[in-house]
Amino acid sequence: MDKTYILNNGILELYVLGELNRHEQQQVEDALEQYSELKTELDHIEKSFETLALQNGMHVPSSVKSALLENLSSVSPKTVPLQASTKSLNKYYIGIAASVAALLLIGLFYIYSELNTTKEQLQLAEEENIKLSDEIKNLNNDFNEIANWYITINNPNTQKYIMTGNALRPEATVVSYVNNIDKSVIINTKQLPELDDAHDYQMWADVKGEMINMGLIDTSKEMLAMTYIDDAESLNITIEPSGGNDHPTVSQLITNVYLR
């Protein structure tokens, strides 16, 4: 092995890690005596491995230490080459430490990746739980609202009025439920035709000749609670500009019904 071959093929790193056979080790040691720059490079590699091992060291339980010492005490001296020097042993242990450190880094990276994945999964699960909780809450609200409508509609004090469309909207039909005791008005908009975005249906109560606003009619909802107006003589529905009007457009009256 010449100097160039050793430097270009990572032979010094293998030498430090103890991966060379005895013949190769001898060739490297001969080259180290011959070339001072190889010796400098070797020292640099040893320090780098040592720094890596120290930076990634971990606490070892005393039980592991005891077991290791016990195993070492059982090794016959003959199994250790007589030529092995203290420096060679140091290189050997540094190599082991470097290998352990590399495995530790790989393990830590794997654990970090798994923790991130678990964190993302928990976050998704939490978002799904929040979404599900909101959906259940909305369903409960809808159920309670429908239950209240059912109670109102079937109340003996509730009067039912059928509002049929005139010539402007002959296909329109609105069923109104008025309870003067509970002061509530509920309408069924199922047969009320959709309007364009520029217009809305608006409901009015006629009180002694004055039209009082009862609210806009949202045709996207089949059942709708409107504002109850005391002393109403009739219910009226008009077509108004989007957002409603302060006063009814009489020419756009599509249906009305007189109350008993």
C-alpha atoms as a PDB file:
ATOM      1  CA  MET A   1       0.000   0.000   0.000  1.00  0.00           C
ATOM      2  CA  ASP A   2       1.365   3.379  -0.972  1.00  0.00           C
ATOM      3  CA  LYS A   3       0.339   6.711   0.485  1.00  0.00           C
ATOM      4  CA  THR A   4      -2.040   7.646  -2.360  1.00  0.00           C
ATOM      5  CA  TYR A   5      -3.892   4.322  -2.223  1.00  0.00           C
ATOM      6  CA  ILE A   6      -4.327   4.578   1.554  1.00  0.00           C
ATOM      7  CA  LEU A   7      -5.731   8.123   1.414  1.00  0.00           C
ATOM      8  CA  ASN A   8      -8.030   7.598  -1.565  1.00  0.00           C
ATOM      9  CA  ASN A   9      -9.604   4.335  -0.369  1.00  0.00           C
ATOM     10  CA  GLY A  10     -10.397   5.150   3.261  1.00  0.00           C
ATOM     11  CA  ILE A  11      -7.836   2.695   4.550  1.00  0.00           C
ATOM     12  CA  LEU A  12      -7.031   4.812   7.599  1.00  0.00           C
ATOM     13  CA  GLU A  13     -10.706   4.835   8.658  1.00  0.00           C
ATOM     14  CA  LEU A  14     -10.845   1.045   8.323  1.00  0.00           C
ATOM     15  CA  TYR A  15      -7.618   0.826  10.301  1.00  0.00           C
ATOM     16  CA  VAL A  16      -9.098   2.886  13.148  1.00  0.00           C
ATOM     17  CA  LEU A  17     -12.298   0.808  13.144  1.00  0.00           C
ATOM     18  CA  GLY A  18     -10.286  -2.440  13.220  1.00  0.00           C
ATOM     19  CA  GLU A  19     -11.684  -3.680   9.919  1.00  0.00           C
ATOM     20  CA  LEU A  20      -8.294  -4.673   8.397  1.00  0.00           C
ATOM     21  CA  ASN A  21      -6.637  -8.062   8.703  1.00  0.00           C
ATOM     22  CA  ARG A  22      -3.271  -8.397  10.365  1.00  0.00           C
ATOM     23  CA  HIS A  23      -1.309  -8.178   7.100  1.00  0.00           C
ATOM     24  CA  GLU A  24      -3.145  -5.026   6.039  1.00  0.00           C
ATOM     25  CA  GLN A  25      -2.618  -3.504   9.481  1.00  0.00           C
ATOM     26  CA  GLN A  26       1.117  -4.121   9.178  1.00  0.00           C
ATOM     27  CA  GLN A  27       1.213  -2.447   5.751  1.00  0.00           C
ATOM     28  CA  VAL A  28      -0.568   0.617   7.155  1.00  0.00           C
ATOM     29  CA  GLU A  29       1.774   0.819  10.144  1.00  0.00           C
ATOM     30  CA  ASP A  30       4.796   0.602   7.824  1.00  0.00           C
ATOM     31  CA  ALA A  31       3.366   3.446   5.733  1.00  0.00           C
ATOM     32  CA  LEU A  32       2.708   5.500   8.863  1.00  0.00           C
ATOM     33  CA  GLU A  33       6.371   5.260   9.803  1.00  0.00           C
ATOM     34  CA  GLN A  34       7.377   6.298   6.310  1.00  0.00           C
ATOM     35  CA  TYR A  35       4.954   9.198   5.684  1.00  0.00           C
ATOM     36  CA  SER A  36       4.375  11.852   8.353  1.00  0.00           C
ATOM     37  CA  GLU A  37       1.280  13.216   6.566  1.00  0.00           C
ATOM     38  CA  LEU A  38      -0.395   9.823   6.990  1.00  0.00           C
ATOM     39  CA  LYS A  39       0.352   9.983  10.712  1.00  0.00           C
ATOM     40  CA  THR A  40      -1.211  13.469  10.865  1.00  0.00           C
ATOM     41  CA  GLU A  41      -4.298  12.271   9.021  1.00  0.00           C
ATOM     42  CA  LEU A  42      -4.593   9.247  11.311  1.00  0.00           C
ATOM     43  CA  ASP A  43      -4.480  11.457  14.400  1.00  0.00           C
ATOM     44  CA  HIS A  44      -7.211  13.634  12.906  1.00  0.00           C
ATOM     45  CA  ILE A  45      -9.455  10.633  12.183  1.00  0.00           C
ATOM     46  CA  GLU A  46      -8.954   9.222  15.695  1.00  0.00           C
ATOM     47  CA  LYS A  47      -9.881  12.545  17.272  1.00  0.00           C
ATOM     48  CA  SER A  48     -12.971  12.824  15.076  1.00  0.00           C
ATOM     49  CA  PHE A  49     -14.171   9.345  16.049  1.00  0.00           C
ATOM     50  CA  GLU A  50     -13.426  10.033  19.688  1.00  0.00           C
ATOM     51  CA  THR A  51     -15.356  13.319  19.599  1.00  0.00           C
ATOM     52  CA  LEU A  52     -18.319  11.594  17.929  1.00  0.00           C
ATOM     53  CA  ALA A  53     -18.310   8.843  20.521  1.00  0.00           C
ATOM     54  CA  LEU A  54     -18.180  11.290  23.431  1.00  0.00           C
ATOM     55  CA  GLN A  55     -20.903  13.526  22.022  1.00  0.00           C
ATOM     56  CA  ASN A  56     -23.286  10.611  21.560  1.00  0.00           C
ATOM     57  CA  GLY A  57     -22.408   8.675  24.665  1.00  0.00           C
ATOM     58  CA  MET A  58     -25.187   7.240  26.762  1.00  0.00           C
ATOM     59  CA  HIS A  59     -25.527   6.047  30.334  1.00  0.00           C
ATOM     60  CA  VAL A  60     -25.002   2.312  30.646  1.00  0.00           C
ATOM     61  CA  PRO A  61     -26.633   0.472  33.551  1.00  0.00           C
ATOM     62  CA  SER A  62     -24.219  -0.982  36.083  1.00  0.00           C
ATOM     63  CA  SER A  63     -25.550  -4.454  35.308  1.00  0.00           C
ATOM     64  CA  VAL A  64     -24.188  -4.179  31.749  1.00  0.00           C
ATOM     65  CA  LYS A  65     -20.794  -3.138  33.045  1.00  0.00           C
ATOM     66  CA  SER A  66     -20.701  -6.091  35.466  1.00  0.00           C
ATOM     67  CA  ALA A  67     -21.643  -8.541  32.706  1.00  0.00           C
ATOM     68  CA  LEU A  68     -18.984  -7.106  30.382  1.00  0.00           C
ATOM     69  CA  LEU A  69     -16.253  -7.391  33.028  1.00  0.00           C
ATOM     70  CA  GLU A  70     -17.317 -10.939  33.775  1.00  0.00           C
ATOM     71  CA  ASN A  71     -17.091 -11.886  30.101  1.00  0.00           C
ATOM     72  CA  LEU A  72     -13.690 -10.233  29.740  1.00  0.00           C
ATOM     73  CA  SER A  73     -12.358 -12.092  32.783  1.00  0.00           C
ATOM     74  CA  SER A  74     -13.322 -15.373  31.141  1.00  0.00           C
ATOM     75  CA  VAL A  75     -11.297 -14.624  27.963  1.00  0.00           C
ATOM     76  CA  SER A  76      -8.024 -16.465  27.791  1.00  0.00           C
ATOM     77  CA  PRO A  77      -4.917 -14.287  27.409  1.00  0.00           C
ATOM     78  CA  LYS A  78      -4.011 -16.445  24.411  1.00  0.00           C
ATOM     79  CA  THR A  79      -6.922 -14.997  22.490  1.00  0.00           C
ATOM     80  CA  VAL A  80      -5.288 -11.566  22.608  1.00  0.00           C
ATOM     81  CA  PRO A  81      -2.421 -11.105  20.110  1.00  0.00           C
ATOM     82  CA  LEU A  82       0.892 -10.529  21.835  1.00  0.00           C
ATOM     83  CA  GLN A  83       1.624  -7.771  19.318  1.00  0.00           C
ATOM     84  CA  ALA A  84      -1.423  -5.764  20.364  1.00  0.00           C
ATOM     85  CA  SER A  85      -0.306  -2.501  21.873  1.00  0.00           C
ATOM     86  CA  THR A  86      -2.187  -0.151  24.162  1.00  0.00           C
ATOM     87  CA  LYS A  87      -2.655   2.173  21.211  1.00  0.00           C
ATOM     88  CA  SER A  88      -4.220  -0.598  19.142  1.00  0.00           C
ATOM     89  CA  LEU A  89      -6.629  -1.402  21.966  1.00  0.00           C
ATOM     90  CA  ASN A  90      -7.555   2.264  22.192  1.00  0.00           C
ATOM     91  CA  LYS A  91      -8.254   2.290  18.463  1.00  0.00           C
ATOM     92  CA  TYR A  92     -10.345  -0.827  18.845  1.00  0.00           C
ATOM     93  CA  TYR A  93     -12.465   0.635  21.638  1.00  0.00           C
ATOM     94  CA  ILE A  94     -12.820   3.939  19.801  1.00  0.00           C
ATOM     95  CA  GLY A  95     -14.070   2.000  16.780  1.00  0.00           C
ATOM     96  CA  ILE A  96     -16.643   0.210  18.927  1.00  0.00           C
ATOM     97  CA  ALA A  97     -17.736   3.502  20.469  1.00  0.00           C
ATOM     98  CA  ALA A  98     -18.059   5.084  17.029  1.00  0.00           C
ATOM     99  CA  SER A  99     -20.166   2.170  15.776  1.00  0.00           C
ATOM    100  CA  VAL A 100     -22.419   2.348  18.830  1.00  0.00           C
ATOM    101  CA  ALA A 101     -22.737   6.102  18.371  1.00  0.00           C
ATOM    102  CA  ALA A 102     -23.741   5.645  14.722  1.00  0.00           C
ATOM    103  CA  LEU A 103     -26.368   3.072  15.670  1.00  0.00           C
ATOM    104  CA  LEU A 104     -27.617   5.383  18.409  1.00  0.00           C
ATOM    105  CA  LEU A 105     -27.983   8.265  15.953  1.00  0.00           C
ATOM    106  CA  ILE A 106     -29.928   6.040  13.547  1.00  0.00           C
ATOM    107  CA  GLY A 107     -32.168   4.912  16.407  1.00  0.00           C
ATOM    108  CA  LEU A 108     -32.775   8.459  17.585  1.00  0.00           C
ATOM    109  CA  PHE A 109     -33.653   9.571  14.047  1.00  0.00           C
ATOM    110  CA  TYR A 110     -36.103   6.670  13.710  1.00  0.00           C
ATOM    111  CA  ILE A 111     -37.726   7.492  17.065  1.00  0.00           C
ATOM    112  CA  TYR A 112     -37.952  11.183  16.107  1.00  0.00           C
ATOM    113  CA  SER A 113     -39.633  10.279  12.813  1.00  0.00           C
ATOM    114  CA  GLU A 114     -42.073   7.962  14.558  1.00  0.00           C
ATOM    115  CA  LEU A 115     -42.918  10.629  17.153  1.00  0.00           C
ATOM    116  CA  ASN A 116     -43.597  13.173  14.403  1.00  0.00           C
ATOM    117  CA  THR A 117     -45.819  10.680  12.578  1.00  0.00           C
ATOM    118  CA  THR A 118     -47.702   9.875  15.793  1.00  0.00           C
ATOM    119  CA  LYS A 119     -48.089  13.583  16.545  1.00  0.00           C
ATOM    120  CA  GLU A 120     -49.560  14.204  13.086  1.00  0.00           C
ATOM    121  CA  GLN A 121     -51.937  11.266  13.489  1.00  0.00           C
ATOM    122  CA  LEU A 122     -53.084  12.538  16.904  1.00  0.00           C
ATOM    123  CA  GLN A 123     -53.635  16.004  15.456  1.00  0.00           C
ATOM    124  CA  LEU A 124     -55.736  14.577  12.609  1.00  0.00           C
ATOM    125  CA  ALA A 125     -57.723  12.482  15.090  1.00  0.00           C
ATOM    126  CA  GLU A 126     -58.328  15.559  17.248  1.00  0.00           C
ATOM    127  CA  GLU A 127     -59.521  17.546  14.227  1.00  0.00           C
ATOM    128  CA  GLU A 128     -61.853  14.706  13.244  1.00  0.00           C
ATOM    129  CA  ASN A 129     -63.214  14.547  16.818  1.00  0.00           C
ATOM    130  CA  ILE A 130     -63.867  18.303  16.809  1.00  0.00           C
ATOM    131  CA  LYS A 131     -65.604  18.041  13.428  1.00  0.00           C
ATOM    132  CA  LEU A 132     -67.686  15.080  14.608  1.00  0.00           C
ATOM    133  CA  SER A 133     -68.574  16.910  17.828  1.00  0.00           C
ATOM    134  CA  ASP A 134     -69.757  19.949  15.841  1.00  0.00           C
ATOM    135  CA  GLU A 135     -71.836  17.734  13.568  1.00  0.00           C
ATOM    136  CA  ILE A 136     -73.453  16.016  16.563  1.00  0.00           C
ATOM    137  CA  LYS A 137     -74.140  19.409  18.140  1.00  0.00           C
ATOM    138  CA  ASN A 138     -75.778  20.648  14.926  1.00  0.00           C
ATOM    139  CA  LEU A 139     -77.842  17.478  14.665  1.00  0.00           C
ATOM    140  CA  ASN A 140     -79.002  17.899  18.269  1.00  0.00           C
ATOM    141  CA  ASN A 141     -79.955  21.509  17.590  1.00  0.00           C
ATOM    142  CA  ASP A 142     -81.858  20.488  14.452  1.00  0.00           C
ATOM    143  CA  PHE A 143     -83.598  17.694  16.353  1.00  0.00           C
ATOM    144  CA  ASN A 144     -84.629  20.037  19.172  1.00  0.00           C
ATOM    145  CA  GLU A 145     -85.896  22.603  16.679  1.00  0.00           C
ATOM    146  CA  ILE A 146     -87.936  20.003  14.800  1.00  0.00           C
ATOM    147  CA  ALA A 147     -89.276  18.637  18.087  1.00  0.00           C
ATOM    148  CA  ASN A 148     -90.406  22.126  19.124  1.00  0.00           C
ATOM    149  CA  TRP A 149     -92.094  22.642  15.739  1.00  0.00           C
ATOM    150  CA  TYR A 150     -93.889  19.327  16.048  1.00  0.00           C
ATOM    151  CA  ILE A 151     -95.140  20.272  19.515  1.00  0.00           C
ATOM    152  CA  THR A 152     -96.326  23.678  18.266  1.00  0.00           C
ATOM    153  CA  ILE A 153     -98.032  22.305  15.155  1.00  0.00           C
ATOM    154  CA  ASN A 154     -99.904  19.665  17.167  1.00  0.00           C
ATOM    155  CA  ASN A 155    -100.877  22.064  19.948  1.00  0.00           C
ATOM    156  CA  PRO A 156    -104.703  22.379  20.197  1.00  0.00           C
ATOM    157  CA  ASN A 157    -104.299  26.162  20.307  1.00  0.00           C
ATOM    158  CA  THR A 158    -102.448  26.246  16.978  1.00  0.00           C
ATOM    159  CA  GLN A 159    -104.456  27.230  13.918  1.00  0.00           C
ATOM    160  CA  LYS A 160    -103.467  26.112  10.422  1.00  0.00           C
ATOM    161  CA  TYR A 161    -103.765  28.440   7.415  1.00  0.00           C
ATOM    162  CA  ILE A 162    -103.165  27.494   3.761  1.00  0.00           C
ATOM    163  CA  MET A 163    -101.745  30.392   1.731  1.00  0.00           C
ATOM    164  CA  THR A 164    -102.174  29.747  -2.010  1.00  0.00           C
ATOM    165  CA  GLY A 165    -100.409  31.726  -4.708  1.00  0.00           C
ATOM    166  CA  ASN A 166    -102.151  34.322  -6.895  1.00  0.00           C
ATOM    167  CA  ALA A 167    -101.592  35.061 -10.581  1.00  0.00           C
ATOM    168  CA  LEU A 168     -97.990  36.177  -9.922  1.00  0.00           C
ATOM    169  CA  ARG A 169     -97.049  32.827  -8.376  1.00  0.00           C
ATOM    170  CA  PRO A 170     -99.918  30.374  -8.926  1.00  0.00           C
ATOM    171  CA  GLU A 171     -97.658  27.415  -8.080  1.00  0.00           C
ATOM    172  CA  ALA A 172     -96.804  28.850  -4.646  1.00  0.00           C
ATOM    173  CA  THR A 173     -98.289  27.315  -1.500  1.00  0.00           C
ATOM    174  CA  VAL A 174     -97.324  28.146   2.070  1.00  0.00           C
ATOM    175  CA  VAL A 175     -98.748  26.413   5.131  1.00  0.00           C
ATOM    176  CA  SER A 176     -98.796  28.665   8.204  1.00  0.00           C
ATOM    177  CA  TYR A 177     -99.274  27.626  11.826  1.00  0.00           C
ATOM    178  CA  VAL A 178    -100.283  30.410  14.212  1.00  0.00           C
ATOM    179  CA  ASN A 179    -100.521  30.030  17.989  1.00  0.00           C
ATOM    180  CA  ASN A 180    -101.849  33.166  19.681  1.00  0.00           C
ATOM    181  CA  ILE A 181    -101.371  31.692  23.155  1.00  0.00           C
ATOM    182  CA  ASP A 182     -97.697  30.814  22.769  1.00  0.00           C
ATOM    183  CA  LYS A 183     -97.276  33.739  20.332  1.00  0.00           C
ATOM    184  CA  SER A 184     -95.567  31.746  17.589  1.00  0.00           C
ATOM    185  CA  VAL A 185     -95.783  31.504  13.815  1.00  0.00           C
ATOM    186  CA  ILE A 186     -94.283  28.613  11.845  1.00  0.00           C
ATOM    187  CA  ILE A 187     -94.479  28.248   8.065  1.00  0.00           C
ATOM    188  CA  ASN A 188     -93.784  25.372   5.682  1.00  0.00           C
ATOM    189  CA  THR A 189     -91.949  26.653   2.574  1.00  0.00           C
ATOM    190  CA  LYS A 190     -91.711  23.332   0.743  1.00  0.00           C
ATOM    191  CA  GLN A 191     -93.939  24.485  -2.135  1.00  0.00           C
ATOM    192  CA  LEU A 192     -92.578  28.021  -2.373  1.00  0.00           C
ATOM    193  CA  PRO A 193     -90.616  28.429  -5.663  1.00  0.00           C
ATOM    194  CA  GLU A 194     -86.987  29.553  -5.531  1.00  0.00           C
ATOM    195  CA  LEU A 195     -86.153  33.150  -6.482  1.00  0.00           C
ATOM    196  CA  ASP A 196     -83.097  34.568  -8.201  1.00  0.00           C
ATOM    197  CA  ASP A 197     -80.264  36.059  -6.134  1.00  0.00           C
ATOM    198  CA  ALA A 198     -81.638  39.575  -6.577  1.00  0.00           C
ATOM    199  CA  HIS A 199     -84.927  38.908  -4.739  1.00  0.00           C
ATOM    200  CA  ASP A 200     -86.274  37.486  -1.468  1.00  0.00           C
ATOM    201  CA  TYR A 201     -89.689  36.530  -0.114  1.00  0.00           C
ATOM    202  CA  GLN A 202     -90.792  38.660   2.831  1.00  0.00           C
ATOM    203  CA  MET A 203     -93.715  38.082   5.208  1.00  0.00           C
ATOM    204  CA  TRP A 204     -95.924  40.806   6.659  1.00  0.00           C
ATOM    205  CA  ALA A 205     -98.639  41.027   9.313  1.00  0.00           C
ATOM    206  CA  ASP A 206    -101.520  43.443   8.687  1.00  0.00           C
ATOM    207  CA  VAL A 207    -102.394  45.222  11.940  1.00  0.00           C
ATOM    208  CA  LYS A 208    -105.242  47.733  11.472  1.00  0.00           C
ATOM    209  CA  GLY A 209    -104.116  48.561   7.945  1.00  0.00           C
ATOM    210  CA  GLU A 210    -100.378  48.772   8.758  1.00  0.00           C
ATOM    211  CA  MET A 211     -98.022  46.151   7.308  1.00  0.00           C
ATOM    212  CA  ILE A 212     -95.458  45.014   9.909  1.00  0.00           C
ATOM    213  CA  ASN A 213     -92.401  43.018   8.911  1.00  0.00           C
ATOM    214  CA  MET A 214     -92.338  39.384  10.121  1.00  0.00           C
ATOM    215  CA  GLY A 215     -88.999  38.561   8.489  1.00  0.00           C
ATOM    216  CA  LEU A 216     -87.437  37.206   5.315  1.00  0.00           C
ATOM    217  CA  ILE A 217     -88.362  33.702   4.190  1.00  0.00           C
ATOM    218  CA  ASP A 218     -85.404  31.365   3.697  1.00  0.00           C
ATOM    219  CA  THR A 219     -86.609  28.887   1.087  1.00  0.00           C
ATOM    220  CA  SER A 220     -83.593  26.640   1.738  1.00  0.00           C
ATOM    221  CA  LYS A 221     -85.339  25.589   4.974  1.00  0.00           C
ATOM    222  CA  GLU A 222     -88.529  23.596   4.760  1.00  0.00           C
ATOM    223  CA  MET A 223     -89.801  24.750   8.173  1.00  0.00           C
ATOM    224  CA  LEU A 224     -89.217  28.280   9.397  1.00  0.00           C
ATOM    225  CA  ALA A 225     -90.209  30.257  12.503  1.00  0.00           C
ATOM    226  CA  MET A 226     -91.336  33.796  11.731  1.00  0.00           C
ATOM    227  CA  THR A 227     -91.791  36.794  14.048  1.00  0.00           C
ATOM    228  CA  TYR A 228     -95.150  36.770  15.830  1.00  0.00           C
ATOM    229  CA  ILE A 229     -97.048  40.054  15.642  1.00  0.00           C
ATOM    230  CA  ASP A 230     -99.851  40.818  18.140  1.00  0.00           C
ATOM    231  CA  ASP A 231    -103.323  41.609  16.810  1.00  0.00           C
ATOM    232  CA  ALA A 232    -102.458  40.557  13.235  1.00  0.00           C
ATOM    233  CA  GLU A 233    -105.541  40.468  10.998  1.00  0.00           C
ATOM    234  CA  SER A 234    -103.857  38.762   8.031  1.00  0.00           C
ATOM    235  CA  LEU A 235    -100.599  37.228   6.832  1.00  0.00           C
ATOM    236  CA  ASN A 236     -99.054  38.437   3.579  1.00  0.00           C
ATOM    237  CA  ILE A 237     -96.063  37.433   1.448  1.00  0.00           C
ATOM    238  CA  THR A 238     -94.403  39.693  -1.116  1.00  0.00           C
ATOM    239  CA  ILE A 239     -91.379  39.517  -3.380  1.00  0.00           C
ATOM    240  CA  GLU A 240     -88.822  42.144  -2.378  1.00  0.00           C
ATOM    241  CA  PRO A 241     -85.267  43.109  -3.403  1.00  0.00           C
ATOM    242  CA  SER A 242     -82.570  40.901  -1.869  1.00  0.00           C
ATOM    243  CA  GLY A 243     -82.187  41.682   1.833  1.00  0.00           C
ATOM    244  CA  GLY A 244     -85.803  42.774   2.285  1.00  0.00           C
ATOM    245  CA  ASN A 245     -87.663  46.063   2.348  1.00  0.00           C
ATOM    246  CA  ASP A 246     -88.958  48.496   4.980  1.00  0.00           C
ATOM    247  CA  HIS A 247     -92.384  48.575   3.356  1.00  0.00           C
ATOM    248  CA  PRO A 248     -94.106  45.882   1.292  1.00  0.00           C
ATOM    249  CA  THR A 249     -94.238  46.167  -2.484  1.00  0.00           C
ATOM    250  CA  VAL A 250     -97.981  45.751  -2.955  1.00  0.00           C
ATOM    251  CA  SER A 251     -97.634  45.005  -6.667  1.00  0.00           C
ATOM    252  CA  GLN A 252     -95.465  41.996  -5.742  1.00  0.00           C
ATOM    253  CA  LEU A 253     -97.957  40.440  -3.285  1.00  0.00           C
ATOM    254  CA  ILE A 254     -98.130  36.713  -4.168  1.00  0.00           C
ATOM    255  CA  THR A 255    -100.383  35.371  -1.389  1.00  0.00           C
ATOM    256  CA  ASN A 256    -102.266  36.338   1.749  1.00  0.00           C
ATOM    257  CA  VAL A 257    -104.692  34.854   4.237  1.00  0.00           C
ATOM    258  CA  TYR A 258    -107.039  36.398   6.815  1.00  0.00           C
ATOM    259  CA  LEU A 259    -106.760  35.161  10.382  1.00  0.00           C
ATOM    260  CA  ARG A 260    -109.682  34.025  12.443  1.00  0.00           C
END
